């Protein structure tokens, strides 16, 4: 994935302000402030028209700022998701290669096991080419070239 071209200073500044406003308007402290703001006309009814005008201005400024802030945040989230997807695809390819190698190894083991099962059992057993035991001889007989048991 190629890095995004660097945005002009004014664009970055506007996006940072929009993101900050999105976080501020999305906080519980903003809810408390607007709740207190909505109670002012109860204490000072003469200010009701002025407060209504101020609240309309806040809405007119806040709505576009929130939309830009959400767009910037979702763009960053989409970029992180694409990077995560790319990393997971690479991991998946590594896992597939490992599984293919394991299948190759286990198929060889299964083939050798099948071949060993088809051979008749031997009556002579050798341990590291040092001791030979003849399983077919009667007990007490000596192995070839050796001493009795």
C-alpha atoms as a PDB file:
ATOM      1  CA  UNK A   1       0.000   0.000   0.000  1.00  0.00           C
ATOM      2  CA  UNK A   2       1.382   3.382  -0.952  1.00  0.00           C
ATOM      3  CA  UNK A   3       1.467   6.189   1.588  1.00  0.00           C
ATOM      4  CA  UNK A   4      -1.119   8.883   1.001  1.00  0.00           C
ATOM      5  CA  UNK A   5       0.210  12.127  -0.441  1.00  0.00           C
ATOM      6  CA  UNK A   6       0.670  14.815   2.168  1.00  0.00           C
ATOM      7  CA  UNK A   7      -2.303  17.177   2.322  1.00  0.00           C
ATOM      8  CA  UNK A   8      -1.793  20.948   2.303  1.00  0.00           C
ATOM      9  CA  UNK A   9      -1.388  22.681   5.655  1.00  0.00           C
ATOM     10  CA  UNK A  10      -4.814  24.348   5.558  1.00  0.00           C
ATOM     11  CA  UNK A  11      -6.572  21.038   4.812  1.00  0.00           C
ATOM     12  CA  UNK A  12      -4.775  19.294   7.679  1.00  0.00           C
ATOM     13  CA  UNK A  13      -5.597  22.174  10.032  1.00  0.00           C
ATOM     14  CA  UNK A  14      -9.278  22.110   9.065  1.00  0.00           C
ATOM     15  CA  UNK A  15      -9.430  18.339   9.552  1.00  0.00           C
ATOM     16  CA  UNK A  16      -7.739  18.579  12.957  1.00  0.00           C
ATOM     17  CA  UNK A  17     -10.201  21.271  14.069  1.00  0.00           C
ATOM     18  CA  UNK A  18     -13.145  19.183  12.824  1.00  0.00           C
ATOM     19  CA  UNK A  19     -11.877  16.085  14.668  1.00  0.00           C
ATOM     20  CA  UNK A  20     -11.348  18.101  17.884  1.00  0.00           C
ATOM     21  CA  UNK A  21     -14.871  19.531  17.595  1.00  0.00           C
ATOM     22  CA  UNK A  22     -16.247  16.026  17.018  1.00  0.00           C
ATOM     23  CA  UNK A  23     -14.583  14.812  20.215  1.00  0.00           C
ATOM     24  CA  UNK A  24     -15.728  17.874  22.178  1.00  0.00           C
ATOM     25  CA  UNK A  25     -19.351  17.671  20.975  1.00  0.00           C
ATOM     26  CA  UNK A  26     -19.285  13.926  21.607  1.00  0.00           C
ATOM     27  CA  UNK A  27     -18.287  14.299  25.258  1.00  0.00           C
ATOM     28  CA  UNK A  28     -20.569  14.160  28.284  1.00  0.00           C
ATOM     29  CA  UNK A  29     -19.254  17.579  29.356  1.00  0.00           C
ATOM     30  CA  UNK A  30     -20.800  19.079  26.247  1.00  0.00           C
ATOM     31  CA  UNK A  31     -24.108  17.466  27.208  1.00  0.00           C
ATOM     32  CA  UNK A  32     -23.869  19.056  30.659  1.00  0.00           C
ATOM     33  CA  UNK A  33     -23.004  22.460  29.143  1.00  0.00           C
ATOM     34  CA  UNK A  34     -25.967  22.371  26.764  1.00  0.00           C
ATOM     35  CA  UNK A  35     -28.242  21.255  29.597  1.00  0.00           C
ATOM     36  CA  UNK A  36     -27.188  24.257  31.666  1.00  0.00           C
ATOM     37  CA  UNK A  37     -27.516  26.458  28.568  1.00  0.00           C
ATOM     38  CA  UNK A  38     -31.089  25.221  28.079  1.00  0.00           C
ATOM     39  CA  UNK A  39     -31.977  26.186  31.678  1.00  0.00           C
ATOM     40  CA  UNK A  40     -30.883  29.831  31.298  1.00  0.00           C
ATOM     41  CA  UNK A  41     -34.284  30.974  29.931  1.00  0.00           C
ATOM     42  CA  UNK A  42     -35.904  29.681  33.116  1.00  0.00           C
ATOM     43  CA  UNK A  43     -33.744  32.023  35.205  1.00  0.00           C
ATOM     44  CA  UNK A  44     -33.705  34.921  32.705  1.00  0.00           C
ATOM     45  CA  UNK A  45     -36.766  34.793  30.413  1.00  0.00           C
ATOM     46  CA  UNK A  46     -35.791  38.082  28.735  1.00  0.00           C
ATOM     47  CA  UNK A  47     -32.762  36.347  27.182  1.00  0.00           C
ATOM     48  CA  UNK A  48     -34.814  33.621  25.518  1.00  0.00           C
ATOM     49  CA  UNK A  49     -34.724  35.100  21.985  1.00  0.00           C
ATOM     50  CA  UNK A  50     -30.983  35.766  22.195  1.00  0.00           C
ATOM     51  CA  UNK A  51     -30.302  32.246  23.494  1.00  0.00           C
ATOM     52  CA  UNK A  52     -32.461  30.777  20.724  1.00  0.00           C
ATOM     53  CA  UNK A  53     -30.398  32.667  18.146  1.00  0.00           C
ATOM     54  CA  UNK A  54     -27.147  31.465  19.754  1.00  0.00           C
ATOM     55  CA  UNK A  55     -28.334  27.847  19.842  1.00  0.00           C
ATOM     56  CA  UNK A  56     -29.281  28.021  16.139  1.00  0.00           C
ATOM     57  CA  UNK A  57     -25.803  29.363  15.327  1.00  0.00           C
ATOM     58  CA  UNK A  58     -24.202  26.548  17.332  1.00  0.00           C
ATOM     59  CA  UNK A  59     -26.245  24.000  15.401  1.00  0.00           C
ATOM     60  CA  UNK A  60     -25.362  25.564  12.039  1.00  0.00           C
ATOM     61  CA  UNK A  61     -21.642  25.444  12.852  1.00  0.00           C
ATOM     62  CA  UNK A  62     -21.599  22.129  14.711  1.00  0.00           C
ATOM     63  CA  UNK A  63     -23.452  19.996  12.170  1.00  0.00           C
ATOM     64  CA  UNK A  64     -20.997  20.452   9.257  1.00  0.00           C
ATOM     65  CA  UNK A  65     -18.028  20.257  11.640  1.00  0.00           C
ATOM     66  CA  UNK A  66     -19.305  16.953  13.022  1.00  0.00           C
ATOM     67  CA  UNK A  67     -19.817  15.594   9.514  1.00  0.00           C
ATOM     68  CA  UNK A  68     -16.244  16.508   8.491  1.00  0.00           C
ATOM     69  CA  UNK A  69     -14.845  15.118  11.753  1.00  0.00           C
ATOM     70  CA  UNK A  70     -16.683  11.828  11.253  1.00  0.00           C
ATOM     71  CA  UNK A  71     -15.476  11.623   7.648  1.00  0.00           C
ATOM     72  CA  UNK A  72     -11.849  12.137   8.730  1.00  0.00           C
ATOM     73  CA  UNK A  73     -12.158   9.574  11.514  1.00  0.00           C
ATOM     74  CA  UNK A  74     -13.802   7.018   9.231  1.00  0.00           C
ATOM     75  CA  UNK A  75     -11.096   7.547   6.588  1.00  0.00           C
ATOM     76  CA  UNK A  76      -8.432   6.786   9.204  1.00  0.00           C
ATOM     77  CA  UNK A  77     -10.421   3.758  10.350  1.00  0.00           C
ATOM     78  CA  UNK A  78     -10.732   2.498   6.776  1.00  0.00           C
ATOM     79  CA  UNK A  79      -6.988   2.860   6.287  1.00  0.00           C
ATOM     80  CA  UNK A  80      -6.290   0.880   9.486  1.00  0.00           C
ATOM     81  CA  UNK A  81      -8.746  -1.801   8.358  1.00  0.00           C
ATOM     82  CA  UNK A  82      -7.000  -2.085   4.979  1.00  0.00           C
ATOM     83  CA  UNK A  83      -3.602  -2.420   6.680  1.00  0.00           C
ATOM     84  CA  UNK A  84      -4.989  -5.059   9.065  1.00  0.00           C
ATOM     85  CA  UNK A  85      -6.483  -6.927   6.114  1.00  0.00           C
ATOM     86  CA  UNK A  86      -3.147  -6.903   4.289  1.00  0.00           C
ATOM     87  CA  UNK A  87      -1.339  -8.218   7.385  1.00  0.00           C
ATOM     88  CA  UNK A  88      -3.932 -10.970   7.868  1.00  0.00           C
ATOM     89  CA  UNK A  89      -3.662 -12.022   4.215  1.00  0.00           C
ATOM     90  CA  UNK A  90       0.117 -12.359   4.632  1.00  0.00           C
ATOM     91  CA  UNK A  91      -0.369 -14.434   7.791  1.00  0.00           C
ATOM     92  CA  UNK A  92      -2.939 -16.598   5.996  1.00  0.00           C
ATOM     93  CA  UNK A  93      -0.500 -17.231   3.147  1.00  0.00           C
ATOM     94  CA  UNK A  94       2.197 -18.224   5.657  1.00  0.00           C
ATOM     95  CA  UNK A  95      -0.225 -20.602   7.391  1.00  0.00           C
ATOM     96  CA  UNK A  96      -1.227 -22.125   4.053  1.00  0.00           C
ATOM     97  CA  UNK A  97       2.439 -22.731   3.197  1.00  0.00           C
ATOM     98  CA  UNK A  98       3.025 -24.359   6.605  1.00  0.00           C
ATOM     99  CA  UNK A  99      -0.056 -26.581   6.197  1.00  0.00           C
ATOM    100  CA  UNK A 100       1.118 -27.643   2.734  1.00  0.00           C
ATOM    101  CA  UNK A 101       4.555 -28.536   4.164  1.00  0.00           C
ATOM    102  CA  UNK A 102       2.917 -30.496   7.000  1.00  0.00           C
ATOM    103  CA  UNK A 103       0.708 -32.370   4.528  1.00  0.00           C
ATOM    104  CA  UNK A 104       3.791 -33.314   2.504  1.00  0.00           C
ATOM    105  CA  UNK A 105       5.574 -34.530   5.638  1.00  0.00           C
ATOM    106  CA  UNK A 106       2.617 -36.511   6.966  1.00  0.00           C
ATOM    107  CA  UNK A 107       1.854 -38.083   3.591  1.00  0.00           C
ATOM    108  CA  UNK A 108       5.427 -39.421   3.523  1.00  0.00           C
ATOM    109  CA  UNK A 109       5.000 -40.828   7.025  1.00  0.00           C
ATOM    110  CA  UNK A 110       1.689 -42.448   6.094  1.00  0.00           C
ATOM    111  CA  UNK A 111       3.240 -43.966   2.956  1.00  0.00           C
ATOM    112  CA  UNK A 112       6.188 -45.422   4.934  1.00  0.00           C
ATOM    113  CA  UNK A 113       3.792 -46.802   7.547  1.00  0.00           C
ATOM    114  CA  UNK A 114       1.704 -48.493   4.844  1.00  0.00           C
ATOM    115  CA  UNK A 115       4.842 -49.986   3.277  1.00  0.00           C
ATOM    116  CA  UNK A 116       6.076 -51.249   6.647  1.00  0.00           C
ATOM    117  CA  UNK A 117       2.701 -52.853   7.358  1.00  0.00           C
ATOM    118  CA  UNK A 118       2.843 -54.766   4.060  1.00  0.00           C
ATOM    119  CA  UNK A 119       6.253 -56.377   4.787  1.00  0.00           C
ATOM    120  CA  UNK A 120       6.230 -59.716   6.614  1.00  0.00           C
ATOM    121  CA  UNK A 121       7.559 -59.633  10.133  1.00  0.00           C
ATOM    122  CA  UNK A 122      11.223 -60.438  10.423  1.00  0.00           C
ATOM    123  CA  UNK A 123      12.489 -63.142  12.734  1.00  0.00           C
ATOM    124  CA  UNK A 124      15.818 -61.401  13.161  1.00  0.00           C
ATOM    125  CA  UNK A 125      16.038 -58.113  15.067  1.00  0.00           C
ATOM    126  CA  UNK A 126      19.177 -55.992  15.141  1.00  0.00           C
ATOM    127  CA  UNK A 127      19.904 -53.183  17.554  1.00  0.00           C
ATOM    128  CA  UNK A 128      22.482 -50.776  16.105  1.00  0.00           C
ATOM    129  CA  UNK A 129      24.126 -53.707  14.280  1.00  0.00           C
ATOM    130  CA  UNK A 130      25.636 -55.005  17.520  1.00  0.00           C
ATOM    131  CA  UNK A 131      23.223 -57.551  18.884  1.00  0.00           C
ATOM    132  CA  UNK A 132      21.209 -59.893  16.724  1.00  0.00           C
ATOM    133  CA  UNK A 133      18.333 -61.760  18.248  1.00  0.00           C
ATOM    134  CA  UNK A 134      16.708 -64.599  16.372  1.00  0.00           C
ATOM    135  CA  UNK A 135      13.087 -64.674  17.386  1.00  0.00           C
ATOM    136  CA  UNK A 136      12.430 -67.974  15.669  1.00  0.00           C
ATOM    137  CA  UNK A 137      14.909 -70.088  17.702  1.00  0.00           C
ATOM    138  CA  UNK A 138      13.964 -71.941  20.814  1.00  0.00           C
ATOM    139  CA  UNK A 139      14.820 -70.506  24.169  1.00  0.00           C
ATOM    140  CA  UNK A 140      18.303 -71.268  25.381  1.00  0.00           C
ATOM    141  CA  UNK A 141      19.846 -71.442  21.905  1.00  0.00           C
ATOM    142  CA  UNK A 142      22.747 -69.123  21.156  1.00  0.00           C
ATOM    143  CA  UNK A 143      22.596 -66.405  18.537  1.00  0.00           C
ATOM    144  CA  UNK A 144      24.945 -66.770  15.557  1.00  0.00           C
ATOM    145  CA  UNK A 145      28.516 -66.164  16.634  1.00  0.00           C
ATOM    146  CA  UNK A 146      27.483 -65.331  20.168  1.00  0.00           C
ATOM    147  CA  UNK A 147      27.233 -66.831  23.577  1.00  0.00           C
ATOM    148  CA  UNK A 148      24.138 -68.529  25.003  1.00  0.00           C
ATOM    149  CA  UNK A 149      21.714 -66.330  26.843  1.00  0.00           C
END
